[in-house]
C-alpha atoms as a PDB file:
ATOM      1  CA  MET A   1      42.449 124.058 110.899  1.00  0.00           C
ATOM      2  CA  THR A   2      39.760 123.120 113.148  1.00  0.00           C
ATOM      3  CA  LEU A   3      37.422 125.610 111.055  1.00  0.00           C
ATOM      4  CA  LEU A   4      38.697 124.972 107.725  1.00  0.00           C
ATOM      5  CA  GLN A   5      38.056 121.016 108.778  1.00  0.00           C
ATOM      6  CA  ARG A   6      34.250 122.140 108.912  1.00  0.00           C
ATOM      7  CA  VAL A   7      33.818 123.203 105.411  1.00  0.00           C
ATOM      8  CA  PRO A   8      32.879 120.204 103.128  1.00  0.00           C
ATOM      9  CA  GLY A   9      35.393 119.006 100.983  1.00  0.00           C
ATOM     10  CA  VAL A  10      38.392 120.713 102.538  1.00  0.00           C
ATOM     11  CA  VAL A  11      41.268 118.715 103.825  1.00  0.00           C
ATOM     12  CA  THR A  12      44.098 121.183 105.574  1.00  0.00           C
ATOM     13  CA  VAL A  13      47.868 120.596 105.422  1.00  0.00           C
ATOM     14  CA  GLU A  14      50.288 122.320 107.621  1.00  0.00           C
ATOM     15  CA  VAL A  15      53.138 124.019 105.647  1.00  0.00           C
ATOM     16  CA  ARG A  16      56.809 123.791 106.835  1.00  0.00           C
ATOM     17  CA  SER A  17      58.875 123.079 103.991  1.00  0.00           C
ATOM     18  CA  LYS A  18      59.232 124.417 100.059  1.00  0.00           C
ATOM     19  CA  GLU A  19      57.907 120.826  99.113  1.00  0.00           C
ATOM     20  CA  GLU A  20      55.092 121.355 101.230  1.00  0.00           C
ATOM     21  CA  LEU A  21      53.935 124.915 100.079  1.00  0.00           C
ATOM     22  CA  ALA A  22      54.607 123.314  96.421  1.00  0.00           C
ATOM     23  CA  SER A  23      51.931 120.712  97.117  1.00  0.00           C
ATOM     24  CA  VAL A  24      48.887 123.631  97.643  1.00  0.00           C
ATOM     25  CA  VAL A  25      47.403 126.139  95.950  1.00  0.00           C
ATOM     26  CA  GLY A  26      45.967 128.288  98.768  1.00  0.00           C
ATOM     27  CA  LEU A  27      47.664 129.215 102.037  1.00  0.00           C
ATOM     28  CA  ILE A  28      46.569 130.290 105.650  1.00  0.00           C
ATOM     29  CA  ILE A  29      49.455 132.614 107.178  1.00  0.00           C
ATOM     30  CA  PRO A  30      48.591 132.380 110.794  1.00  0.00           C
ATOM     31  CA  GLY A  31      48.492 134.952 113.979  1.00  0.00           C
ATOM     32  CA  GLY A  32      51.564 134.820 116.146  1.00  0.00           C
ATOM     33  CA  GLU A  33      54.956 137.224 116.432  1.00  0.00           C
ATOM     34  CA  SER A  34      55.525 138.423 112.971  1.00  0.00           C
ATOM     35  CA  THR A  35      59.269 139.155 113.668  1.00  0.00           C
ATOM     36  CA  VAL A  36      59.969 135.388 114.934  1.00  0.00           C
ATOM     37  CA  MET A  37      57.806 134.074 111.976  1.00  0.00           C
ATOM     38  CA  ALA A  38      59.806 136.380 109.585  1.00  0.00           C
ATOM     39  CA  HIS A  39      62.936 134.743 111.297  1.00  0.00           C
ATOM     40  CA  VAL A  40      62.255 131.354 110.962  1.00  0.00           C
ATOM     41  CA  ALA A  41      60.786 131.530 107.210  1.00  0.00           C
ATOM     42  CA  GLN A  42      64.512 133.173 106.062  1.00  0.00           C
ATOM     43  CA  ARG A  43      66.594 130.051 108.179  1.00  0.00           C
ATOM     44  CA  TRP A  44      64.293 128.069 106.525  1.00  0.00           C
ATOM     45  CA  GLY A  45      64.993 129.541 103.232  1.00  0.00           C
ATOM     46  CA  LEU A  46      60.927 130.034 102.171  1.00  0.00           C
ATOM     47  CA  ILE A  47      60.717 133.672 102.080  1.00  0.00           C
ATOM     48  CA  PRO A  48      61.882 133.791  98.359  1.00  0.00           C
ATOM     49  CA  GLU A  49      59.431 130.761  98.170  1.00  0.00           C
ATOM     50  CA  LEU A  50      56.656 132.368  99.610  1.00  0.00           C
ATOM     51  CA  GLN A  51      57.065 135.422  97.576  1.00  0.00           C
ATOM     52  CA  GLY A  52      57.084 133.351  94.518  1.00  0.00           C
ATOM     53  CA  PHE A  53      53.897 131.631  95.841  1.00  0.00           C
ATOM     54  CA  ALA A  54      52.187 134.988  96.145  1.00  0.00           C
ATOM     55  CA  GLN A  55      53.533 136.582  92.638  1.00  0.00           C
ATOM     56  CA  ARG A  56      52.009 133.646  91.038  1.00  0.00           C
ATOM     57  CA  GLY A  57      48.701 134.403  91.826  1.00  0.00           C
ATOM     58  CA  ASN A  58      47.785 131.924  94.590  1.00  0.00           C
ATOM     59  CA  PRO A  59      45.387 132.835  96.945  1.00  0.00           C
ATOM     60  CA  ILE A  60      46.705 133.950 100.636  1.00  0.00           C
ATOM     61  CA  TRP A  61      45.124 134.731 103.756  1.00  0.00           C
ATOM     62  CA  GLY A  62      46.461 136.277 106.439  1.00  0.00           C
ATOM     63  CA  THR A  63      45.201 136.564 109.970  1.00  0.00           C
ATOM     64  CA  CYS A  64      46.957 138.914 112.650  1.00  0.00           C
ATOM     65  CA  ALA A  65      50.749 138.398 111.994  1.00  0.00           C
ATOM     66  CA  GLY A  66      50.150 137.150 108.749  1.00  0.00           C
ATOM     67  CA  MET A  67      48.207 140.253 107.631  1.00  0.00           C
ATOM     68  CA  ILE A  68      51.854 142.133 108.558  1.00  0.00           C
ATOM     69  CA  PHE A  69      53.398 139.323 106.375  1.00  0.00           C
ATOM     70  CA  LEU A  70      51.188 140.185 103.585  1.00  0.00           C
ATOM     71  CA  ALA A  71      51.435 144.128 103.526  1.00  0.00           C
ATOM     72  CA  GLU A  72      53.821 145.810 101.416  1.00  0.00           C
ATOM     73  CA  ARG A  73      54.719 148.473 103.967  1.00  0.00           C
ATOM     74  CA  ALA A  74      54.652 147.990 107.840  1.00  0.00           C
ATOM     75  CA  GLU A  75      55.043 150.654 110.783  1.00  0.00           C
ATOM     76  CA  GLY A  76      56.315 150.339 114.285  1.00  0.00           C
ATOM     77  CA  MET A  77      58.873 147.317 113.128  1.00  0.00           C
ATOM     78  CA  LYS A  78      61.605 146.006 115.672  1.00  0.00           C
ATOM     79  CA  SER A  79      65.139 147.771 114.938  1.00  0.00           C
ATOM     80  CA  GLY A  80      66.555 145.876 111.898  1.00  0.00           C
ATOM     81  CA  GLY A  81      63.044 145.406 110.435  1.00  0.00           C
ATOM     82  CA  GLN A  82      61.621 142.097 109.031  1.00  0.00           C
ATOM     83  CA  ALA A  83      61.345 140.289 105.767  1.00  0.00           C
ATOM     84  CA  LEU A  84      58.126 140.412 104.449  1.00  0.00           C
ATOM     85  CA  VAL A  85      55.953 138.360 101.715  1.00  0.00           C
ATOM     86  CA  GLY A  86      54.200 141.482 100.199  1.00  0.00           C
ATOM     87  CA  GLY A  87      51.612 141.423  97.408  1.00  0.00           C
ATOM     88  CA  LEU A  88      49.069 143.324  99.578  1.00  0.00           C
ATOM     89  CA  ASP A  89      48.933 147.091  98.574  1.00  0.00           C
ATOM     90  CA  ILE A  90      48.330 148.352 102.446  1.00  0.00           C
ATOM     91  CA  THR A  91      50.324 149.809 105.235  1.00  0.00           C
ATOM     92  CA  VAL A  92      49.882 148.350 108.408  1.00  0.00           C
ATOM     93  CA  SER A  93      50.983 149.338 111.926  1.00  0.00           C
ATOM     94  CA  ARG A  94      51.886 146.179 113.899  1.00  0.00           C
ATOM     95  CA  ASN A  95      50.448 146.510 117.382  1.00  0.00           C
ATOM     96  CA  PHE A  96      48.299 148.803 116.615  1.00  0.00           C
ATOM     97  CA  PHE A  97      46.028 148.008 119.506  1.00  0.00           C
ATOM     98  CA  GLY A  98      48.674 147.700 122.092  1.00  0.00           C
ATOM     99  CA  ALA A  99      50.073 145.192 124.163  1.00  0.00           C
ATOM    100  CA  GLN A 100      48.742 141.390 124.638  1.00  0.00           C
ATOM    101  CA  ILE A 101      47.157 142.782 128.134  1.00  0.00           C
ATOM    102  CA  ASN A 102      45.188 145.294 125.611  1.00  0.00           C
ATOM    103  CA  SER A 103      43.378 142.341 123.778  1.00  0.00           C
ATOM    104  CA  PHE A 104      39.831 142.192 123.306  1.00  0.00           C
ATOM    105  CA  GLU A 105      36.952 140.995 121.452  1.00  0.00           C
ATOM    106  CA  THR A 106      34.027 143.107 119.972  1.00  0.00           C
ATOM    107  CA  GLN A 107      31.093 142.743 117.301  1.00  0.00           C
ATOM    108  CA  LEU A 108      31.667 144.233 113.585  1.00  0.00           C
ATOM    109  CA  THR A 109      29.341 144.532 110.629  1.00  0.00           C
ATOM    110  CA  THR A 110      29.328 141.631 108.300  1.00  0.00           C
ATOM    111  CA  PRO A 111      30.674 143.029 105.318  1.00  0.00           C
ATOM    112  CA  GLU A 112      28.148 141.975 101.815  1.00  0.00           C
ATOM    113  CA  CYS A 113      30.886 138.961 100.627  1.00  0.00           C
ATOM    114  CA  LEU A 114      29.908 137.121 103.827  1.00  0.00           C
ATOM    115  CA  THR A 115      26.515 137.433 103.645  1.00  0.00           C
ATOM    116  CA  GLN A 116      25.930 134.523 100.982  1.00  0.00           C
ATOM    117  CA  PHE A 117      26.898 132.113 103.712  1.00  0.00           C
ATOM    118  CA  GLY A 118      24.023 133.242 106.285  1.00  0.00           C
ATOM    119  CA  GLY A 119      24.734 134.084 109.770  1.00  0.00           C
ATOM    120  CA  GLY A 120      24.067 137.406 111.252  1.00  0.00           C
ATOM    121  CA  SER A 121      24.667 141.053 110.705  1.00  0.00           C
ATOM    122  CA  THR A 122      27.430 141.334 112.814  1.00  0.00           C
ATOM    123  CA  PHE A 123      30.413 139.108 113.393  1.00  0.00           C
ATOM    124  CA  ARG A 124      32.773 138.568 116.601  1.00  0.00           C
ATOM    125  CA  ALA A 125      36.192 139.743 116.166  1.00  0.00           C
ATOM    126  CA  LEU A 126      39.068 138.924 118.554  1.00  0.00           C
ATOM    127  CA  PHE A 127      41.951 141.420 118.169  1.00  0.00           C
ATOM    128  CA  ILE A 128      45.303 140.210 120.239  1.00  0.00           C
ATOM    129  CA  ARG A 129      48.053 142.360 120.195  1.00  0.00           C
ATOM    130  CA  ALA A 130      46.555 143.154 116.948  1.00  0.00           C
ATOM    131  CA  PRO A 131      47.532 145.120 114.136  1.00  0.00           C
ATOM    132  CA  ALA A 132      45.671 147.769 111.751  1.00  0.00           C
ATOM    133  CA  VAL A 133      45.357 149.259 108.110  1.00  0.00           C
ATOM    134  CA  MET A 134      46.771 152.413 107.915  1.00  0.00           C
ATOM    135  CA  GLN A 135      46.849 152.800 104.432  1.00  0.00           C
ATOM    136  CA  THR A 136      44.982 151.038 101.302  1.00  0.00           C
ATOM    137  CA  GLY A 137      45.800 151.238  97.874  1.00  0.00           C
ATOM    138  CA  GLU A 138      43.363 151.830  94.870  1.00  0.00           C
ATOM    139  CA  SER A 139      43.012 147.938  93.828  1.00  0.00           C
ATOM    140  CA  VAL A 140      42.299 146.902  98.134  1.00  0.00           C
ATOM    141  CA  GLN A 141      38.742 146.694  99.218  1.00  0.00           C
ATOM    142  CA  VAL A 142      38.009 147.229 102.774  1.00  0.00           C
ATOM    143  CA  LEU A 143      35.904 144.519 104.076  1.00  0.00           C
ATOM    144  CA  ALA A 144      35.659 145.374 107.726  1.00  0.00           C
ATOM    145  CA  SER A 145      36.850 148.708 109.869  1.00  0.00           C
ATOM    146  CA  TYR A 146      36.615 149.066 113.556  1.00  0.00           C
ATOM    147  CA  THR A 147      35.421 152.584 115.004  1.00  0.00           C
ATOM    148  CA  LEU A 148      37.976 154.313 117.568  1.00  0.00           C
ATOM    149  CA  SER A 149      37.077 155.021 120.981  1.00  0.00           C
ATOM    150  CA  PRO A 150      37.485 158.612 121.810  1.00  0.00           C
ATOM    151  CA  GLU A 151      40.420 157.852 123.732  1.00  0.00           C
ATOM    152  CA  GLU A 152      41.995 155.982 121.006  1.00  0.00           C
ATOM    153  CA  ALA A 153      41.251 158.372 118.259  1.00  0.00           C
ATOM    154  CA  ALA A 154      42.511 161.008 120.342  1.00  0.00           C
ATOM    155  CA  ALA A 155      45.589 158.709 120.504  1.00  0.00           C
ATOM    156  CA  GLN A 156      45.527 158.736 116.904  1.00  0.00           C
ATOM    157  CA  GLY A 157      45.330 162.530 115.952  1.00  0.00           C
ATOM    158  CA  GLY A 158      41.464 162.650 116.046  1.00  0.00           C
ATOM    159  CA  ARG A 159      41.412 159.306 113.386  1.00  0.00           C
ATOM    160  CA  SER A 160      38.035 158.313 113.349  1.00  0.00           C
ATOM    161  CA  SER A 161      38.641 154.547 112.386  1.00  0.00           C
ATOM    162  CA  VAL A 162      40.650 151.953 110.705  1.00  0.00           C
ATOM    163  CA  ALA A 163      40.480 149.071 108.508  1.00  0.00           C
ATOM    164  CA  VAL A 164      40.741 146.013 109.983  1.00  0.00           C
ATOM    165  CA  ALA A 165      40.021 143.301 107.295  1.00  0.00           C
ATOM    166  CA  VAL A 166      40.864 143.824 103.595  1.00  0.00           C
ATOM    167  CA  ARG A 167      41.004 142.022 100.248  1.00  0.00           C
ATOM    168  CA  SER A 168      42.664 142.215  96.821  1.00  0.00           C
ATOM    169  CA  GLY A 169      42.236 140.077  94.199  1.00  0.00           C
ATOM    170  CA  VAL A 170      43.320 136.496  95.570  1.00  0.00           C
ATOM    171  CA  LEU A 171      45.018 137.749  98.600  1.00  0.00           C
ATOM    172  CA  LEU A 172      43.000 138.476 101.772  1.00  0.00           C
ATOM    173  CA  ALA A 173      43.796 139.780 105.375  1.00  0.00           C
ATOM    174  CA  THR A 174      42.356 139.890 108.740  1.00  0.00           C
ATOM    175  CA  ALA A 175      43.639 141.895 111.856  1.00  0.00           C
ATOM    176  CA  PHE A 176      41.384 139.790 114.067  1.00  0.00           C
ATOM    177  CA  HIS A 177      41.219 136.082 114.608  1.00  0.00           C
ATOM    178  CA  PRO A 178      38.619 134.471 112.797  1.00  0.00           C
ATOM    179  CA  GLU A 179      39.552 130.933 113.933  1.00  0.00           C
ATOM    180  CA  LEU A 180      38.837 131.518 117.567  1.00  0.00           C
ATOM    181  CA  THR A 181      35.433 131.478 116.859  1.00  0.00           C
ATOM    182  CA  THR A 182      32.806 129.555 115.863  1.00  0.00           C
ATOM    183  CA  ASP A 183      31.348 131.978 113.004  1.00  0.00           C
ATOM    184  CA  LEU A 184      32.718 129.795 109.837  1.00  0.00           C
ATOM    185  CA  ARG A 185      32.178 132.412 106.695  1.00  0.00           C
ATOM    186  CA  TRP A 186      35.164 133.675 107.002  1.00  0.00           C
ATOM    187  CA  HIS A 187      36.910 130.344 106.332  1.00  0.00           C
ATOM    188  CA  GLN A 188      33.750 129.769 103.979  1.00  0.00           C
ATOM    189  CA  LEU A 189      35.100 132.690 101.644  1.00  0.00           C
ATOM    190  CA  PHE A 190      38.650 131.877 101.824  1.00  0.00           C
ATOM    191  CA  VAL A 191      37.924 128.076 100.198  1.00  0.00           C
ATOM    192  CA  GLU A 192      35.317 129.963  97.718  1.00  0.00           C
ATOM    193  CA  MET A 193      38.116 132.173  96.945  1.00  0.00           C
ATOM    194  CA  VAL A 194      40.576 128.940  96.400  1.00  0.00           C
ATOM    195  CA  ARG A 195      38.081 126.973  94.541  1.00  0.00           C
ATOM    196  CA  ALA A 196      37.357 129.551  91.948  1.00  0.00           C
ATOM    197  CA  HIS A 197      40.903 130.211  91.537  1.00  0.00           C
ATOM    198  CA  ALA A 198      41.298 126.662  90.711  1.00  0.00           C
ATOM    199  CA  SER A 199      38.532 126.282  88.313  1.00  0.00           C
ATOM    200  CA  SER A 200      39.620 129.693  86.364  1.00  0.00           C
ATOM    201  CA  SER A 201      43.219 127.597  85.859  1.00  0.00           C
ATOM    202  CA  PRO A 202      43.412 125.087  83.376  1.00  0.00           C
ATOM    203  CA  ALA A 203      46.349 123.602  84.849  1.00  0.00           C
ATOM    204  CA  ILE A 204      45.139 123.272  88.272  1.00  0.00           C
ATOM    205  CA  ALA A 205      42.456 120.673  89.334  1.00  0.00           C
ATOM    206  CA  LEU A 206      39.856 121.503  91.585  1.00  0.00           C
ATOM    207  CA  GLU A 207      40.410 118.630  93.504  1.00  0.00           C
ATOM    208  CA  HIS A 208      44.052 119.127  94.224  1.00  0.00           C
ATOM    209  CA  ALA A 209      42.902 122.975  95.024  1.00  0.00           C
ATOM    210  CA  VAL A 210      40.170 121.710  97.845  1.00  0.00           C
ATOM    211  CA  ALA A 211      42.390 118.942  99.056  1.00  0.00           C
ATOM    212  CA  SER A 212      45.305 120.760  99.593  1.00  0.00           C
ATOM    213  CA  LEU A 213      44.002 123.969 101.031  1.00  0.00           C
ATOM    214  CA  SER A 214      46.080 124.437 103.740  1.00  0.00           C
ATOM    215  CA  LEU A 215      47.303 118.910 106.074  1.00  0.00           C
ATOM    216  CA  ASP A 216      45.236 116.889 108.188  1.00  0.00           C
ATOM    217  CA  SER A 217      47.171 116.938 111.487  1.00  0.00           C
ATOM    218  CA  ASN A 218      45.186 113.630 112.347  1.00  0.00           C
ATOM    219  CA  SER A 219      45.823 111.757 109.232  1.00  0.00           C
ATOM    220  CA  ALA A 220      49.050 109.056 109.605  1.00  0.00           C
ATOM    221  CA  GLN A 221      48.745 108.694 105.866  1.00  0.00           C
ATOM    222  CA  GLN A 222      48.786 112.282 104.517  1.00  0.00           C
ATOM    223  CA  GLN A 223      51.731 113.035 107.197  1.00  0.00           C
ATOM    224  CA  HIS A 224      53.436 110.169 105.801  1.00  0.00           C
ATOM    225  CA  GLN A 225      53.257 111.046 102.503  1.00  0.00           C
ATOM    226  CA  LEU A 226      55.178 114.598 103.389  1.00  0.00           C
ATOM    227  CA  GLY A 227      57.709 111.954 105.010  1.00  0.00           C
ATOM    228  CA  ARG A 228      57.420 112.954 108.409  1.00  0.00           C
ATOM    229  CA  ALA A 229      55.456 111.343 111.159  1.00  0.00           C
ATOM    230  CA  PRO A 230      52.754 113.314 113.530  1.00  0.00           C
ATOM    231  CA  ASN A 231      54.144 115.115 115.976  1.00  0.00           C
ATOM    232  CA  ARG A 232      51.519 117.104 117.470  1.00  0.00           C
ATOM    233  CA  PRO A 233      48.460 117.095 118.919  1.00  0.00           C
ATOM    234  CA  ASN A 234      45.093 118.030 117.749  1.00  0.00           C
ATOM    235  CA  ASP A 235      44.272 121.435 117.763  1.00  0.00           C
ATOM    236  CA  LEU A 236      43.227 123.291 120.983  1.00  0.00           C
ATOM    237  CA  PRO A 237      39.592 123.670 121.875  1.00  0.00           C
ATOM    238  CA  ILE A 238      38.206 126.957 121.148  1.00  0.00           C
ATOM    239  CA  PHE A 239      37.488 129.359 123.981  1.00  0.00           C
ATOM    240  CA  GLY A 240      34.794 131.638 123.928  1.00  0.00           C
ATOM    241  CA  ILE A 241      34.433 134.604 126.246  1.00  0.00           C
ATOM    242  CA  THR A 242      33.920 133.025 129.666  1.00  0.00           C
ATOM    243  CA  HIS A 243      37.245 132.138 130.533  1.00  0.00           C
ATOM    244  CA  LEU A 244      38.658 128.760 130.074  1.00  0.00           C
ATOM    245  CA  SER A 245      35.239 127.498 129.173  1.00  0.00           C
ATOM    246  CA  VAL A 246      34.626 125.560 126.069  1.00  0.00           C
ATOM    247  CA  GLU A 247      32.467 126.975 123.541  1.00  0.00           C
ATOM    248  CA  ALA A 248      30.258 124.722 121.558  1.00  0.00           C
ATOM    249  CA  VAL A 249      31.026 124.004 118.040  1.00  0.00           C
ATOM    250  CA  PRO A 250      27.851 124.249 116.065  1.00  0.00           C
ATOM    251  CA  ALA A 251      26.774 121.349 113.740  1.00  0.00           C
END
């Protein structure tokens, strides 16, 4: 949310209920523990609401666990499986990169769709107990890939790379966490997707699409309109590679 609020014209909305979901036309499903997220969404009756949101052609971006949620198929799920929103014709491997202790960051090649927003030829990618895309359908475009190390390739039967960012129409998924960097370009891409969707649909006002993209947690007025009082602190600061040092956000 911190980076989204730096994109001009965007007001973010936290979605916890079907009423809040109905108020937006673009949704970001964040990282976390996908099984727990699925259980909570089921308990609150949100799985069919989320599936309907996707089926109606609204833009959705899933990061890390959100990528798993958007996948049609998932490998390595816990016993009993878990509910998926689906819609994205991919097969993901949960925790492909290992446990929490195996989390890492690297530089990946900037896809062409991000070059319109400037920046360098690479981007910083943070993988935290991350999934990977093992298979993609014909409608899915691979935006970024990770080249496996010799050790990783040997463990995967000689596979040389995996997809870590994909897009199919209005659905976007990243295995890494752009929100933990200062690079706005992935967020700008998603905002552009929402705006393009809004402008192509006569039933949606562009102002509504942008203003409702995701709830300004610091806005008491917006919280009041949604029937609940402010109940969370400001977003955590963004940390850089140096442990526990705050990374400056560029102006």
